[in-house]
PDB file of N, CA and C in Angstrom:
ATOM      1  N   MET A   1      10.137  18.746   0.351  1.00  0.00           N
ATOM      2  CA  MET A   1       9.975  17.605  -0.257  1.00  0.00           C
ATOM      3  C   MET A   1       8.542  17.445  -0.984  1.00  0.00           C
ATOM      4  N   LYS A   2       8.638  16.846  -2.255  1.00  0.00           N
ATOM      5  CA  LYS A   2       7.049  16.839  -2.991  1.00  0.00           C
ATOM      6  C   LYS A   2       6.832  15.523  -2.738  1.00  0.00           C
ATOM      7  N   ARG A   3       5.567  15.716  -2.678  1.00  0.00           N
ATOM      8  CA  ARG A   3       4.795  14.199  -2.122  1.00  0.00           C
ATOM      9  C   ARG A   3       4.460  13.480  -3.412  1.00  0.00           C
ATOM     10  N   TRP A   4       4.865  12.300  -3.426  1.00  0.00           N
ATOM     11  CA  TRP A   4       4.595  11.221  -4.844  1.00  0.00           C
ATOM     12  C   TRP A   4       3.005  10.911  -5.040  1.00  0.00           C
ATOM     13  N   LYS A   5       2.698  11.028  -6.341  1.00  0.00           N
ATOM     14  CA  LYS A   5       1.293  10.961  -6.840  1.00  0.00           C
ATOM     15  C   LYS A   5       0.835   9.517  -5.974  1.00  0.00           C
ATOM     16  N   MET A   6      -0.457   9.391  -5.748  1.00  0.00           N
ATOM     17  CA  MET A   6      -0.756   8.086  -4.841  1.00  0.00           C
ATOM     18  C   MET A   6      -1.786   7.376  -5.881  1.00  0.00           C
ATOM     19  N   ARG A   7      -1.649   6.437  -6.403  1.00  0.00           N
ATOM     20  CA  ARG A   7      -2.738   5.328  -6.913  1.00  0.00           C
ATOM     21  C   ARG A   7      -3.299   4.511  -6.125  1.00  0.00           C
ATOM     22  N   ILE A   8      -4.465   3.769  -6.684  1.00  0.00           N
ATOM     23  CA  ILE A   8      -5.156   2.406  -5.893  1.00  0.00           C
ATOM     24  C   ILE A   8      -5.907   1.719  -6.779  1.00  0.00           C
ATOM     25  N   CYS A   9      -5.492   0.416  -6.505  1.00  0.00           N
ATOM     26  CA  CYS A   9      -6.422  -0.679  -7.461  1.00  0.00           C
ATOM     27  C   CYS A   9      -7.523  -0.836  -6.869  1.00  0.00           C
ATOM     28  N   ASN A  10      -8.560  -1.199  -7.899  1.00  0.00           N
ATOM     29  CA  ASN A  10      -9.833  -1.387  -7.422  1.00  0.00           C
ATOM     30  C   ASN A  10     -10.252  -2.235  -6.247  1.00  0.00           C
ATOM     31  N   GLU A  11      -9.644  -2.969  -5.925  1.00  0.00           N
ATOM     32  CA  GLU A  11      -9.680  -4.014  -4.756  1.00  0.00           C
ATOM     33  C   GLU A  11      -9.432  -3.266  -3.592  1.00  0.00           C
ATOM     34  N   ALA A  12      -8.320  -2.520  -3.559  1.00  0.00           N
ATOM     35  CA  ALA A  12      -8.018  -1.703  -2.291  1.00  0.00           C
ATOM     36  C   ALA A  12      -9.022  -0.677  -2.002  1.00  0.00           C
ATOM     37  N   LYS A  13      -9.508  -0.087  -3.186  1.00  0.00           N
ATOM     38  CA  LYS A  13     -10.581   1.090  -3.083  1.00  0.00           C
ATOM     39  C   LYS A  13     -11.788   0.641  -2.572  1.00  0.00           C
ATOM     40  N   LYS A  14     -12.207  -0.711  -2.809  1.00  0.00           N
ATOM     41  CA  LYS A  14     -13.521  -1.229  -2.584  1.00  0.00           C
ATOM     42  C   LYS A  14     -13.363  -1.574  -0.794  1.00  0.00           C
ATOM     43  N   ASP A  15     -12.104  -2.253  -0.613  1.00  0.00           N
ATOM     44  CA  ASP A  15     -12.101  -2.366   0.998  1.00  0.00           C
ATOM     45  C   ASP A  15     -11.930  -0.819   1.646  1.00  0.00           C
ATOM     46  N   TYR A  16     -11.251  -0.051   1.036  1.00  0.00           N
ATOM     47  CA  TYR A  16     -10.999   1.319   1.713  1.00  0.00           C
ATOM     48  C   TYR A  16     -12.504   1.972   1.910  1.00  0.00           C
ATOM     49  N   ARG A  17     -13.433   1.829   0.997  1.00  0.00           N
ATOM     50  CA  ARG A  17     -14.836   2.445   1.026  1.00  0.00           C
ATOM     51  C   ARG A  17     -15.451   1.308   2.275  1.00  0.00           C
ATOM     52  N   LYS A  18     -15.339   0.398   2.628  1.00  0.00           N
ATOM     53  CA  LYS A  18     -15.910  -0.494   3.703  1.00  0.00           C
ATOM     54  C   LYS A  18     -15.663   0.092   4.975  1.00  0.00           C
ATOM     55  N   LEU A  19     -14.308   0.649   4.957  1.00  0.00           N
ATOM     56  CA  LEU A  19     -14.156   1.039   6.605  1.00  0.00           C
ATOM     57  C   LEU A  19     -15.241   2.345   7.025  1.00  0.00           C
ATOM     58  N   ASP A  20     -15.219   2.284   8.328  1.00  0.00           N
ATOM     59  CA  ASP A  20     -15.833   3.169   9.015  1.00  0.00           C
ATOM     60  C   ASP A  20     -15.154   4.437   8.503  1.00  0.00           C
ATOM     61  N   GLY A  21     -16.066   5.786   8.534  1.00  0.00           N
ATOM     62  CA  GLY A  21     -15.573   7.126   8.284  1.00  0.00           C
ATOM     63  C   GLY A  21     -14.227   7.738   9.108  1.00  0.00           C
ATOM     64  N   SER A  22     -14.195   7.389  10.493  1.00  0.00           N
ATOM     65  CA  SER A  22     -13.245   7.495  11.310  1.00  0.00           C
ATOM     66  C   SER A  22     -11.864   7.210  10.766  1.00  0.00           C
ATOM     67  N   ILE A  23     -12.081   5.952  10.407  1.00  0.00           N
ATOM     68  CA  ILE A  23     -10.929   4.797  10.246  1.00  0.00           C
ATOM     69  C   ILE A  23     -10.101   5.284   8.857  1.00  0.00           C
ATOM     70  N   ARG A  24     -11.367   5.492   7.971  1.00  0.00           N
ATOM     71  CA  ARG A  24     -10.863   5.997   6.605  1.00  0.00           C
ATOM     72  C   ARG A  24      -9.741   7.323   6.769  1.00  0.00           C
ATOM     73  N   LYS A  25     -10.341   8.358   7.587  1.00  0.00           N
ATOM     74  CA  LYS A  25      -9.453   9.242   7.710  1.00  0.00           C
ATOM     75  C   LYS A  25      -8.153   9.169   8.357  1.00  0.00           C
ATOM     76  N   GLN A  26      -8.133   8.262   8.988  1.00  0.00           N
ATOM     77  CA  GLN A  26      -6.593   7.673   9.824  1.00  0.00           C
ATOM     78  C   GLN A  26      -5.836   7.307   8.557  1.00  0.00           C
ATOM     79  N   VAL A  27      -6.586   6.436   7.833  1.00  0.00           N
ATOM     80  CA  VAL A  27      -5.633   5.771   6.603  1.00  0.00           C
ATOM     81  C   VAL A  27      -5.295   6.589   5.584  1.00  0.00           C
ATOM     82  N   VAL A  28      -6.045   7.456   5.302  1.00  0.00           N
ATOM     83  CA  VAL A  28      -5.672   8.706   4.411  1.00  0.00           C
ATOM     84  C   VAL A  28      -4.563   9.145   5.088  1.00  0.00           C
ATOM     85  N   ALA A  29      -4.676   9.753   6.209  1.00  0.00           N
ATOM     86  CA  ALA A  29      -3.812  10.697   6.671  1.00  0.00           C
ATOM     87  C   ALA A  29      -2.380   9.977   6.697  1.00  0.00           C
ATOM     88  N   GLY A  30      -2.080   8.731   7.228  1.00  0.00           N
ATOM     89  CA  GLY A  30      -0.939   7.910   7.076  1.00  0.00           C
ATOM     90  C   GLY A  30      -0.522   7.639   5.741  1.00  0.00           C
ATOM     91  N   ILE A  31      -1.220   7.352   4.653  1.00  0.00           N
ATOM     92  CA  ILE A  31      -0.933   7.292   3.413  1.00  0.00           C
ATOM     93  C   ILE A  31      -0.266   8.547   2.748  1.00  0.00           C
ATOM     94  N   LEU A  32      -0.999   9.709   3.061  1.00  0.00           N
ATOM     95  CA  LEU A  32      -0.416  11.330   2.781  1.00  0.00           C
ATOM     96  C   LEU A  32       1.078  11.306   3.516  1.00  0.00           C
ATOM     97  N   LYS A  33       0.901  11.036   4.304  1.00  0.00           N
ATOM     98  CA  LYS A  33       2.371  11.295   5.412  1.00  0.00           C
ATOM     99  C   LYS A  33       3.507  10.647   4.727  1.00  0.00           C
ATOM    100  N   VAL A  34       3.137   9.277   4.604  1.00  0.00           N
ATOM    101  CA  VAL A  34       4.161   8.049   3.836  1.00  0.00           C
ATOM    102  C   VAL A  34       4.528   8.649   2.370  1.00  0.00           C
ATOM    103  N   ALA A  35       3.547   8.994   1.726  1.00  0.00           N
ATOM    104  CA  ALA A  35       3.675   9.623   0.400  1.00  0.00           C
ATOM    105  C   ALA A  35       4.848  10.631   0.063  1.00  0.00           C
ATOM    106  N   GLU A  36       5.173  11.247   1.413  1.00  0.00           N
ATOM    107  CA  GLU A  36       6.086  12.151   1.390  1.00  0.00           C
ATOM    108  C   GLU A  36       7.652  11.646   1.099  1.00  0.00           C
ATOM    109  N   ALA A  37       7.913  10.482   1.886  1.00  0.00           N
ATOM    110  CA  ALA A  37       8.860   9.790   1.596  1.00  0.00           C
ATOM    111  C   ALA A  37       8.670   8.585   1.947  1.00  0.00           C
ATOM    112  N   PRO A  38       8.277   7.922   0.472  1.00  0.00           N
ATOM    113  CA  PRO A  38       7.930   6.395   0.763  1.00  0.00           C
ATOM    114  C   PRO A  38       8.802   5.614   0.873  1.00  0.00           C
ATOM    115  N   LEU A  39      10.226   5.495   0.382  1.00  0.00           N
ATOM    116  CA  LEU A  39      11.104   4.817   0.232  1.00  0.00           C
ATOM    117  C   LEU A  39      11.869   4.373   1.484  1.00  0.00           C
ATOM    118  N   PRO A  40      12.374   3.430   1.704  1.00  0.00           N
ATOM    119  CA  PRO A  40      12.921   2.916   3.117  1.00  0.00           C
ATOM    120  C   PRO A  40      14.239   3.838   3.021  1.00  0.00           C
ATOM    121  N   SER A  41      14.499   4.779   3.844  1.00  0.00           N
ATOM    122  CA  SER A  41      15.824   5.290   4.061  1.00  0.00           C
ATOM    123  C   SER A  41      15.743   6.384   5.600  1.00  0.00           C
ATOM    124  N   GLN A  42      16.639   6.688   5.934  1.00  0.00           N
ATOM    125  CA  GLN A  42      16.752   7.562   7.258  1.00  0.00           C
ATOM    126  C   GLN A  42      15.666   8.229   7.403  1.00  0.00           C
ATOM    127  N   ASN A  43      15.397   9.027   6.722  1.00  0.00           N
ATOM    128  CA  ASN A  43      13.830   9.957   6.651  1.00  0.00           C
ATOM    129  C   ASN A  43      12.965   9.301   5.977  1.00  0.00           C
ATOM    130  N   GLY A  44      12.583   8.378   5.481  1.00  0.00           N
ATOM    131  CA  GLY A  44      11.699   7.657   4.771  1.00  0.00           C
ATOM    132  C   GLY A  44      10.983   6.755   5.680  1.00  0.00           C
ATOM    133  N   TYR A  45       9.499   6.444   4.985  1.00  0.00           N
ATOM    134  CA  TYR A  45       8.757   5.733   6.048  1.00  0.00           C
ATOM    135  C   TYR A  45       8.442   4.202   5.556  1.00  0.00           C
ATOM    136  N   GLY A  46       8.968   3.832   4.375  1.00  0.00           N
ATOM    137  CA  GLY A  46       8.865   2.531   3.381  1.00  0.00           C
ATOM    138  C   GLY A  46       9.432   1.824   4.384  1.00  0.00           C
ATOM    139  N   LYS A  47       8.456   0.361   4.607  1.00  0.00           N
ATOM    140  CA  LYS A  47       8.871  -0.721   5.260  1.00  0.00           C
ATOM    141  C   LYS A  47       8.842  -1.788   4.147  1.00  0.00           C
ATOM    142  N   PRO A  48       9.734  -2.326   3.862  1.00  0.00           N
ATOM    143  CA  PRO A  48       9.931  -3.637   2.743  1.00  0.00           C
ATOM    144  C   PRO A  48       9.232  -4.760   3.241  1.00  0.00           C
ATOM    145  N   LEU A  49       8.873  -5.505   2.372  1.00  0.00           N
ATOM    146  CA  LEU A  49       8.139  -6.758   2.671  1.00  0.00           C
ATOM    147  C   LEU A  49       8.909  -7.842   2.362  1.00  0.00           C
ATOM    148  N   GLY A  50       9.383  -8.160   1.237  1.00  0.00           N
ATOM    149  CA  GLY A  50      10.311  -9.148   0.895  1.00  0.00           C
ATOM    150  C   GLY A  50       9.417 -10.471   0.889  1.00  0.00           C
ATOM    151  N   ASN A  51       9.801 -11.541   1.617  1.00  0.00           N
ATOM    152  CA  ASN A  51       8.843 -12.982   1.767  1.00  0.00           C
ATOM    153  C   ASN A  51       8.486 -12.924   3.204  1.00  0.00           C
ATOM    154  N   LYS A  52       7.187 -12.854   2.723  1.00  0.00           N
ATOM    155  CA  LYS A  52       6.353 -13.074   3.999  1.00  0.00           C
ATOM    156  C   LYS A  52       5.206 -14.282   3.772  1.00  0.00           C
ATOM    157  N   ASN A  53       5.171 -15.124   4.715  1.00  0.00           N
ATOM    158  CA  ASN A  53       4.287 -16.302   4.921  1.00  0.00           C
ATOM    159  C   ASN A  53       4.270 -16.894   3.548  1.00  0.00           C
ATOM    160  N   GLY A  54       5.540 -17.178   3.020  1.00  0.00           N
ATOM    161  CA  GLY A  54       5.832 -18.022   1.483  1.00  0.00           C
ATOM    162  C   GLY A  54       5.165 -17.181   0.462  1.00  0.00           C
ATOM    163  N   ASN A  55       5.026 -15.799   0.578  1.00  0.00           N
ATOM    164  CA  ASN A  55       4.602 -15.001  -0.649  1.00  0.00           C
ATOM    165  C   ASN A  55       6.002 -14.243  -1.155  1.00  0.00           C
ATOM    166  N   ASN A  56       6.099 -14.268  -2.119  1.00  0.00           N
ATOM    167  CA  ASN A  56       7.455 -13.429  -2.288  1.00  0.00           C
ATOM    168  C   ASN A  56       6.801 -11.977  -2.816  1.00  0.00           C
ATOM    169  N   LEU A  57       7.226 -11.255  -1.752  1.00  0.00           N
ATOM    170  CA  LEU A  57       6.726  -9.505  -1.700  1.00  0.00           C
ATOM    171  C   LEU A  57       7.677  -8.806  -2.102  1.00  0.00           C
ATOM    172  N   THR A  58       8.878  -8.922  -2.649  1.00  0.00           N
ATOM    173  CA  THR A  58      10.020  -8.352  -2.805  1.00  0.00           C
ATOM    174  C   THR A  58       9.634  -7.211  -3.763  1.00  0.00           C
ATOM    175  N   GLY A  59       9.785  -5.735  -3.430  1.00  0.00           N
ATOM    176  CA  GLY A  59       9.061  -4.446  -4.288  1.00  0.00           C
ATOM    177  C   GLY A  59       7.847  -3.982  -3.453  1.00  0.00           C
ATOM    178  N   PHE A  60       7.243  -4.656  -2.640  1.00  0.00           N
ATOM    179  CA  PHE A  60       6.190  -4.236  -2.150  1.00  0.00           C
ATOM    180  C   PHE A  60       6.520  -3.782  -0.505  1.00  0.00           C
ATOM    181  N   PHE A  61       5.637  -2.707  -0.025  1.00  0.00           N
ATOM    182  CA  PHE A  61       5.893  -2.113   1.126  1.00  0.00           C
ATOM    183  C   PHE A  61       4.654  -2.052   1.899  1.00  0.00           C
ATOM    184  N   LYS A  62       4.702  -1.610   3.098  1.00  0.00           N
ATOM    185  CA  LYS A  62       3.724  -1.919   4.376  1.00  0.00           C
ATOM    186  C   LYS A  62       3.831  -0.385   5.068  1.00  0.00           C
ATOM    187  N   ILE A  63       2.432  -0.132   5.689  1.00  0.00           N
ATOM    188  CA  ILE A  63       2.345   0.909   6.635  1.00  0.00           C
ATOM    189  C   ILE A  63       1.363   0.098   7.533  1.00  0.00           C
ATOM    190  N   LYS A  64       1.746   0.266   8.654  1.00  0.00           N
ATOM    191  CA  LYS A  64       1.090  -0.427   9.925  1.00  0.00           C
ATOM    192  C   LYS A  64       0.151   0.770  10.716  1.00  0.00           C
ATOM    193  N   TYR A  65      -0.952   0.523  11.044  1.00  0.00           N
ATOM    194  CA  TYR A  65      -1.731   1.344  12.008  1.00  0.00           C
ATOM    195  C   TYR A  65      -1.912   0.413  12.954  1.00  0.00           C
ATOM    196  N   LYS A  66      -0.977   0.140  14.218  1.00  0.00           N
ATOM    197  CA  LYS A  66      -1.393  -0.403  15.307  1.00  0.00           C
ATOM    198  C   LYS A  66      -2.660   0.003  16.240  1.00  0.00           C
ATOM    199  N   ALA A  67      -2.717   1.169  16.297  1.00  0.00           N
ATOM    200  CA  ALA A  67      -3.908   1.349  17.084  1.00  0.00           C
ATOM    201  C   ALA A  67      -5.384   0.951  16.438  1.00  0.00           C
ATOM    202  N   ILE A  68      -5.487   1.124  15.128  1.00  0.00           N
ATOM    203  CA  ILE A  68      -6.829   0.739  14.242  1.00  0.00           C
ATOM    204  C   ILE A  68      -6.619  -0.472  13.677  1.00  0.00           C
ATOM    205  N   GLY A  69      -5.451  -1.260  13.843  1.00  0.00           N
ATOM    206  CA  GLY A  69      -5.735  -2.457  13.133  1.00  0.00           C
ATOM    207  C   GLY A  69      -5.876  -2.796  11.748  1.00  0.00           C
ATOM    208  N   ILE A  70      -5.239  -1.740  11.140  1.00  0.00           N
ATOM    209  CA  ILE A  70      -5.177  -1.802   9.453  1.00  0.00           C
ATOM    210  C   ILE A  70      -3.974  -1.895   9.156  1.00  0.00           C
ATOM    211  N   ARG A  71      -3.634  -2.447   7.965  1.00  0.00           N
ATOM    212  CA  ARG A  71      -2.245  -2.497   7.164  1.00  0.00           C
ATOM    213  C   ARG A  71      -2.560  -2.097   5.775  1.00  0.00           C
ATOM    214  N   VAL A  72      -1.655  -1.320   5.218  1.00  0.00           N
ATOM    215  CA  VAL A  72      -1.894  -0.896   3.793  1.00  0.00           C
ATOM    216  C   VAL A  72      -0.446  -1.372   3.394  1.00  0.00           C
ATOM    217  N   VAL A  73      -0.489  -2.015   1.946  1.00  0.00           N
ATOM    218  CA  VAL A  73       0.643  -2.627   1.294  1.00  0.00           C
ATOM    219  C   VAL A  73       0.324  -1.843  -0.143  1.00  0.00           C
ATOM    220  N   TYR A  74       1.699  -1.333  -0.432  1.00  0.00           N
ATOM    221  CA  TYR A  74       1.763  -0.519  -1.492  1.00  0.00           C
ATOM    222  C   TYR A  74       2.957  -0.792  -2.294  1.00  0.00           C
ATOM    223  N   THR A  75       3.133  -0.689  -3.848  1.00  0.00           N
ATOM    224  CA  THR A  75       4.358  -0.449  -4.390  1.00  0.00           C
ATOM    225  C   THR A  75       4.686   1.125  -4.819  1.00  0.00           C
ATOM    226  N   LEU A  76       5.851   1.023  -5.476  1.00  0.00           N
ATOM    227  CA  LEU A  76       6.498   2.139  -5.914  1.00  0.00           C
ATOM    228  C   LEU A  76       6.857   2.186  -7.468  1.00  0.00           C
ATOM    229  N   VAL A  77       6.647   3.380  -7.848  1.00  0.00           N
ATOM    230  CA  VAL A  77       7.114   3.491  -9.542  1.00  0.00           C
ATOM    231  C   VAL A  77       8.202   4.860  -9.316  1.00  0.00           C
ATOM    232  N   PRO A  78       9.263   4.485  -9.231  1.00  0.00           N
ATOM    233  CA  PRO A  78      10.349   5.779  -8.576  1.00  0.00           C
ATOM    234  C   PRO A  78      10.247   6.613  -9.938  1.00  0.00           C
ATOM    235  N   SER A  79      10.316   6.207 -11.066  1.00  0.00           N
ATOM    236  CA  SER A  79      10.673   6.925 -12.250  1.00  0.00           C
ATOM    237  C   SER A  79       9.629   7.839 -12.603  1.00  0.00           C
ATOM    238  N   LYS A  80       8.119   7.340 -11.854  1.00  0.00           N
ATOM    239  CA  LYS A  80       6.903   8.441 -12.169  1.00  0.00           C
ATOM    240  C   LYS A  80       6.579   9.063 -10.755  1.00  0.00           C
ATOM    241  N   ALA A  81       7.382   8.883  -9.619  1.00  0.00           N
ATOM    242  CA  ALA A  81       7.322   9.290  -8.183  1.00  0.00           C
ATOM    243  C   ALA A  81       5.881   9.008  -8.041  1.00  0.00           C
ATOM    244  N   THR A  82       5.255   7.589  -8.164  1.00  0.00           N
ATOM    245  CA  THR A  82       4.103   7.176  -7.941  1.00  0.00           C
ATOM    246  C   THR A  82       4.084   6.239  -6.869  1.00  0.00           C
ATOM    247  N   MET A  83       3.184   6.366  -6.003  1.00  0.00           N
ATOM    248  CA  MET A  83       2.777   5.148  -5.049  1.00  0.00           C
ATOM    249  C   MET A  83       1.581   4.129  -5.385  1.00  0.00           C
ATOM    250  N   ASN A  84       1.458   2.893  -5.387  1.00  0.00           N
ATOM    251  CA  ASN A  84       0.382   2.313  -5.879  1.00  0.00           C
ATOM    252  C   ASN A  84      -0.112   1.611  -4.434  1.00  0.00           C
ATOM    253  N   ILE A  85      -1.282   1.970  -4.089  1.00  0.00           N
ATOM    254  CA  ILE A  85      -1.968   1.412  -2.904  1.00  0.00           C
ATOM    255  C   ILE A  85      -2.456  -0.029  -3.680  1.00  0.00           C
ATOM    256  N   VAL A  86      -2.199  -1.224  -2.952  1.00  0.00           N
ATOM    257  CA  VAL A  86      -2.447  -2.449  -3.579  1.00  0.00           C
ATOM    258  C   VAL A  86      -3.483  -3.289  -2.719  1.00  0.00           C
ATOM    259  N   VAL A  87      -3.050  -2.966  -1.254  1.00  0.00           N
ATOM    260  CA  VAL A  87      -4.246  -3.716  -0.392  1.00  0.00           C
ATOM    261  C   VAL A  87      -4.233  -2.738   0.900  1.00  0.00           C
ATOM    262  N   ILE A  88      -5.841  -2.722   1.246  1.00  0.00           N
ATOM    263  CA  ILE A  88      -5.966  -1.892   2.693  1.00  0.00           C
ATOM    264  C   ILE A  88      -6.882  -3.203   3.232  1.00  0.00           C
ATOM    265  N   SER A  89      -6.261  -3.525   4.511  1.00  0.00           N
ATOM    266  CA  SER A  89      -7.050  -4.739   5.139  1.00  0.00           C
ATOM    267  C   SER A  89      -6.945  -4.534   6.602  1.00  0.00           C
ATOM    268  N   GLU A  90      -7.551  -5.572   7.324  1.00  0.00           N
ATOM    269  CA  GLU A  90      -7.272  -5.973   8.756  1.00  0.00           C
ATOM    270  C   GLU A  90      -6.045  -6.309   8.831  1.00  0.00           C
ATOM    271  N   ARG A  91      -5.202  -5.993  10.008  1.00  0.00           N
ATOM    272  CA  ARG A  91      -3.598  -6.192  10.039  1.00  0.00           C
ATOM    273  C   ARG A  91      -3.467  -7.585  10.521  1.00  0.00           C
ATOM    274  N   ASP A  92      -4.032  -8.453   9.999  1.00  0.00           N
ATOM    275  CA  ASP A  92      -3.630  -9.991  10.152  1.00  0.00           C
ATOM    276  C   ASP A  92      -2.787 -10.410   8.780  1.00  0.00           C
ATOM    277  N   ASP A  93      -1.440 -10.620   9.473  1.00  0.00           N
ATOM    278  CA  ASP A  93      -0.645 -10.986   8.305  1.00  0.00           C
ATOM    279  C   ASP A  93      -0.733 -11.861   7.296  1.00  0.00           C
ATOM    280  N   ASN A  94      -1.302 -12.704   7.658  1.00  0.00           N
ATOM    281  CA  ASN A  94      -1.403 -14.022   6.830  1.00  0.00           C
ATOM    282  C   ASN A  94      -2.465 -13.551   5.772  1.00  0.00           C
ATOM    283  N   TYR A  95      -3.662 -13.098   6.027  1.00  0.00           N
ATOM    284  CA  TYR A  95      -4.574 -12.683   5.062  1.00  0.00           C
ATOM    285  C   TYR A  95      -4.109 -11.535   4.283  1.00  0.00           C
ATOM    286  N   CYS A  96      -3.362 -10.194   4.847  1.00  0.00           N
ATOM    287  CA  CYS A  96      -3.009  -9.183   4.384  1.00  0.00           C
ATOM    288  C   CYS A  96      -1.842  -9.749   2.999  1.00  0.00           C
ATOM    289  N   TYR A  97      -1.078 -10.420   3.597  1.00  0.00           N
ATOM    290  CA  TYR A  97       0.199 -10.718   2.453  1.00  0.00           C
ATOM    291  C   TYR A  97      -0.202 -11.759   1.325  1.00  0.00           C
ATOM    292  N   ASP A  98      -1.194 -12.590   1.903  1.00  0.00           N
ATOM    293  CA  ASP A  98      -2.155 -13.348   0.929  1.00  0.00           C
ATOM    294  C   ASP A  98      -2.633 -12.934  -0.075  1.00  0.00           C
ATOM    295  N   LEU A  99      -3.474 -11.781   0.254  1.00  0.00           N
ATOM    296  CA  LEU A  99      -4.240 -10.627  -0.791  1.00  0.00           C
ATOM    297  C   LEU A  99      -3.170 -10.168  -1.542  1.00  0.00           C
ATOM    298  N   ALA A 100      -2.292  -9.801  -0.968  1.00  0.00           N
ATOM    299  CA  ALA A 100      -1.266  -8.744  -1.921  1.00  0.00           C
ATOM    300  C   ALA A 100      -0.636  -9.879  -2.839  1.00  0.00           C
ATOM    301  N   SER A 101      -0.380 -10.819  -2.679  1.00  0.00           N
ATOM    302  CA  SER A 101       0.198 -12.058  -3.407  1.00  0.00           C
ATOM    303  C   SER A 101      -0.677 -12.436  -4.715  1.00  0.00           C
ATOM    304  N   LYS A 102      -2.003 -12.432  -4.240  1.00  0.00           N
ATOM    305  CA  LYS A 102      -3.235 -12.793  -5.319  1.00  0.00           C
ATOM    306  C   LYS A 102      -3.227 -11.602  -6.139  1.00  0.00           C
ATOM    307  N   LEU A 103      -3.101 -10.352  -5.666  1.00  0.00           N
ATOM    308  CA  LEU A 103      -3.309  -9.314  -6.701  1.00  0.00           C
ATOM    309  C   LEU A 103      -1.869  -9.103  -7.230  1.00  0.00           C
ATOM    310  N   TYR A 104      -0.957  -9.520  -7.059  1.00  0.00           N
ATOM    311  CA  TYR A 104       0.458  -9.407  -7.992  1.00  0.00           C
ATOM    312  C   TYR A 104       0.265 -10.474  -9.029  1.00  0.00           C
ATOM    313  N   ALA A 105      -0.384 -11.821  -8.677  1.00  0.00           N
ATOM    314  CA  ALA A 105      -0.727 -12.518  -9.599  1.00  0.00           C
ATOM    315  C   ALA A 105      -2.168 -12.202 -10.486  1.00  0.00           C
ATOM    316  N   LYS A 106      -2.674 -11.404 -10.201  1.00  0.00           N
ATOM    317  CA  LYS A 106      -3.511 -10.912 -11.091  1.00  0.00           C
ATOM    318  C   LYS A 106      -3.385  -9.932 -11.861  1.00  0.00           C
ATOM    319  N   TYR A 107      -2.236  -9.012 -11.372  1.00  0.00           N
ATOM    320  CA  TYR A 107      -1.878  -7.809 -12.060  1.00  0.00           C
ATOM    321  C   TYR A 107      -0.839  -7.611 -12.744  1.00  0.00           C
ATOM    322  N   GLY A 108       0.313  -8.677 -12.222  1.00  0.00           N
ATOM    323  CA  GLY A 108       1.501  -8.968 -12.437  1.00  0.00           C
ATOM    324  C   GLY A 108       2.409  -7.708 -12.502  1.00  0.00           C
ATOM    325  N   ASP A 109       3.324  -7.627 -13.103  1.00  0.00           N
ATOM    326  CA  ASP A 109       4.331  -6.462 -12.872  1.00  0.00           C
ATOM    327  C   ASP A 109       3.748  -4.849 -13.132  1.00  0.00           C
ATOM    328  N   ARG A 110       2.398  -5.090 -13.552  1.00  0.00           N
ATOM    329  CA  ARG A 110       1.991  -3.753 -13.557  1.00  0.00           C
ATOM    330  C   ARG A 110       1.395  -3.085 -12.253  1.00  0.00           C
ATOM    331  N   VAL A 111       1.643  -3.728 -11.322  1.00  0.00           N
ATOM    332  CA  VAL A 111       1.595  -3.348  -9.846  1.00  0.00           C
ATOM    333  C   VAL A 111       2.991  -2.549  -9.340  1.00  0.00           C
ATOM    334  N   PHE A 112       3.653  -2.406 -10.472  1.00  0.00           N
ATOM    335  CA  PHE A 112       5.134  -1.522 -10.156  1.00  0.00           C
ATOM    336  C   PHE A 112       4.943  -0.579 -11.378  1.00  0.00           C
ATOM    337  N   GLU A 113       3.886  -0.242 -12.376  1.00  0.00           N
ATOM    338  CA  GLU A 113       3.703   0.699 -12.833  1.00  0.00           C
ATOM    339  C   GLU A 113       2.622   1.914 -12.481  1.00  0.00           C
ATOM    340  N   ASP A 114       2.850   3.008 -12.892  1.00  0.00           N
ATOM    341  CA  ASP A 114       1.630   4.036 -13.019  1.00  0.00           C
ATOM    342  C   ASP A 114       0.156   3.489 -13.806  1.00  0.00           C
ATOM    343  N   PHE A 115      -0.371   2.596 -13.311  1.00  0.00           N
ATOM    344  CA  PHE A 115      -1.401   1.947 -13.935  1.00  0.00           C
ATOM    345  C   PHE A 115      -2.755   2.283 -13.434  1.00  0.00           C
ATOM    346  N   PHE A 116      -2.870   2.319 -12.187  1.00  0.00           N
ATOM    347  CA  PHE A 116      -4.283   2.437 -11.294  1.00  0.00           C
ATOM    348  C   PHE A 116      -4.801   3.924 -11.450  1.00  0.00           C
ATOM    349  N   ASP A 117      -6.175   3.790 -10.689  1.00  0.00           N
ATOM    350  CA  ASP A 117      -6.395   4.941 -10.622  1.00  0.00           C
ATOM    351  C   ASP A 117      -6.015   5.931  -9.639  1.00  0.00           C
ATOM    352  N   ASN A 118      -6.629   7.031  -9.757  1.00  0.00           N
ATOM    353  CA  ASN A 118      -5.971   8.360  -8.525  1.00  0.00           C
ATOM    354  C   ASN A 118      -6.703   7.768  -7.312  1.00  0.00           C
ATOM    355  N   LEU A 119      -5.971   7.999  -6.178  1.00  0.00           N
ATOM    356  CA  LEU A 119      -6.360   7.679  -4.969  1.00  0.00           C
ATOM    357  C   LEU A 119      -7.557   8.310  -4.452  1.00  0.00           C
ATOM    358  N   ILE A 120      -8.690   7.491  -4.139  1.00  0.00           N
ATOM    359  CA  ILE A 120      -9.789   7.659  -3.548  1.00  0.00           C
ATOM    360  C   ILE A 120     -10.471   9.001  -4.445  1.00  0.00           C
TER     361      ILE A 120
END
């Protein structure tokens, strides 16, 4: 199985850089694992968001890191086999999903395009 390309928005890149080094390694390892099968399926890792806390996040997916209290929110560009990392934050649902909604408002449908920089 071929790994999807990974892109990251500037806001998520800044939040990633604020993380402790050991946490960063765990976050990247999780993203690399999910990038092998990011779509929701029997063998996939994608967990769709839909409507969360009053935010319409249809088309967004999440990775939960329970042990380290981090959540990653991403979108997909299936035609380009690209995974866009939009949010890397503490696992507080309200904050994480509100941030994803704000970034969707900022970038619009570009969050569903091969638009962002390469991952890290």
